[in-house]
């Protein structure tokens, strides 16, 4: 297990964090066709569109222990704790936005 601690605060760094979910798989190598966990969209012939949206994150790891490219990594992120009311208000606003986009009278 690799994690940042007091002795090694820069062992793992987030290089790029996409703020929203995307269905675009940069390569079909991350889908279940290649033995990975990304489920491809059956209607997409190229195999580069995912059935469910995911959050792409690119992470840089300081290689002190001899890890090699292509190894699988499971990441755990610590997110902000927010009250449920915040999520409910956010979903309600998203619902209003989706109705506004569909109805020309709003």
Protein backbone atom coordinates (compact mmCIF):
# COMPACT_ATOMS: atom_id res chain seq x y z
CA UNK A 1 0.00 0.00 0.00
CA UNK A 2 1.34 3.40 -0.98
CA UNK A 3 0.07 6.51 0.72
CA UNK A 4 1.20 9.96 1.64
CA UNK A 5 2.26 10.33 5.25
CA UNK A 6 4.34 12.71 7.37
CA UNK A 7 7.64 11.20 6.21
CA UNK A 8 6.67 11.07 2.50
CA UNK A 9 4.14 13.84 1.75
CA UNK A 10 4.71 13.67 -2.03
CA UNK A 11 4.68 9.93 -2.68
CA UNK A 12 1.36 10.06 -4.56
CA UNK A 13 0.24 13.13 -6.50
CA UNK A 14 -2.86 13.77 -8.57
CA UNK A 15 -1.64 14.98 -11.96
CA UNK A 16 -5.02 15.53 -13.60
CA UNK A 17 -8.54 15.33 -12.17
CA UNK A 18 -11.51 15.59 -14.52
CA UNK A 19 -14.26 17.49 -12.64
CA UNK A 20 -17.13 15.61 -14.26
CA UNK A 21 -17.91 12.08 -15.30
CA UNK A 22 -17.31 11.05 -18.89
CA UNK A 23 -18.29 8.07 -21.02
CA UNK A 24 -15.29 8.42 -23.32
CA UNK A 25 -12.69 5.70 -22.81
CA UNK A 26 -9.36 6.89 -24.17
CA UNK A 27 -8.54 3.34 -25.16
CA UNK A 28 -10.48 0.10 -25.44
CA UNK A 29 -7.72 -1.42 -23.27
CA UNK A 30 -9.51 -0.16 -20.13
CA UNK A 31 -12.76 -1.92 -21.02
CA UNK A 32 -13.86 -5.47 -20.29
CA UNK A 33 -12.77 -6.48 -23.81
CA UNK A 34 -9.19 -6.32 -22.51
CA UNK A 35 -9.99 -7.84 -19.11
CA UNK A 36 -10.44 -4.58 -17.21
CA UNK A 37 -13.47 -3.29 -15.31
CA UNK A 38 -14.81 -0.64 -17.71
CA UNK A 39 -18.03 -1.86 -19.36
CA UNK A 40 -18.23 -0.74 -23.00
CA UNK A 41 -21.43 0.63 -24.51
CA UNK A 42 -22.91 -2.15 -26.70
CA UNK A 43 -24.20 0.37 -29.26
CA UNK A 44 -20.71 1.80 -29.87
CA UNK A 45 -18.85 -0.08 -32.61
CA UNK A 46 -15.42 1.38 -31.77
CA UNK A 47 -15.52 0.10 -28.17
CA UNK A 48 -14.29 3.43 -26.83
CA UNK A 49 -17.54 4.57 -25.21
CA UNK A 50 -18.41 3.34 -21.72
CA UNK A 51 -21.88 2.19 -20.72
CA UNK A 52 -21.68 4.15 -17.45
CA UNK A 53 -19.83 7.40 -16.90
CA UNK A 54 -16.63 7.36 -14.87
CA UNK A 55 -14.30 9.99 -13.40
CA UNK A 56 -10.85 9.85 -15.01
CA UNK A 57 -7.96 10.58 -12.66
CA UNK A 58 -4.25 10.53 -13.59
CA UNK A 59 -1.97 9.84 -10.64
CA UNK A 60 1.84 10.03 -10.37
CA UNK A 61 3.46 7.60 -7.93
CA UNK A 62 7.04 7.89 -6.71
CA UNK A 63 8.55 4.52 -7.58
CA UNK A 64 10.53 3.48 -4.49
CA UNK A 65 9.36 -0.13 -4.38
CA UNK A 66 9.94 -1.31 -7.97
CA UNK A 67 6.48 -1.03 -9.45
CA UNK A 68 6.27 -1.51 -13.21
CA UNK A 69 3.97 0.14 -15.78
CA UNK A 70 0.70 -1.68 -16.38
CA UNK A 71 0.14 -2.81 -12.81
CA UNK A 72 -3.36 -2.36 -11.45
CA UNK A 73 -3.96 0.15 -8.68
CA UNK A 74 -7.01 0.78 -6.55
CA UNK A 75 -7.27 4.30 -5.19
CA UNK A 76 -9.14 5.64 -2.20
CA UNK A 77 -9.87 9.35 -2.06
CA UNK A 78 -10.85 11.39 0.95
CA UNK A 79 -13.67 13.68 -0.09
CA UNK A 80 -15.31 16.58 1.69
CA UNK A 81 -18.09 15.67 4.05
CA UNK A 82 -21.26 17.51 3.17
CA UNK A 83 -24.75 17.24 4.63
CA UNK A 84 -27.41 15.35 2.69
CA UNK A 85 -29.35 18.58 2.25
CA UNK A 86 -26.53 19.84 0.03
CA UNK A 87 -26.95 16.81 -2.27
CA UNK A 88 -30.74 17.17 -2.36
CA UNK A 89 -30.51 20.86 -3.31
CA UNK A 90 -27.92 20.02 -5.99
CA UNK A 91 -30.13 17.32 -7.52
CA UNK A 92 -33.16 19.62 -7.43
CA UNK A 93 -31.21 22.32 -9.27
CA UNK A 94 -30.06 19.78 -11.85
CA UNK A 95 -33.68 18.72 -12.34
CA UNK A 96 -34.71 22.34 -12.96
CA UNK A 97 -31.83 22.79 -15.42
CA UNK A 98 -32.82 19.68 -17.37
CA UNK A 99 -36.43 20.90 -17.63
CA UNK A 100 -35.26 24.36 -18.69
CA UNK A 101 -33.20 22.85 -21.48
CA UNK A 102 -36.15 20.81 -22.77
CA UNK A 103 -38.83 23.50 -22.55
CA UNK A 104 -38.53 26.68 -24.58
CA UNK A 105 -40.93 28.58 -22.28
CA UNK A 106 -38.72 28.51 -19.19
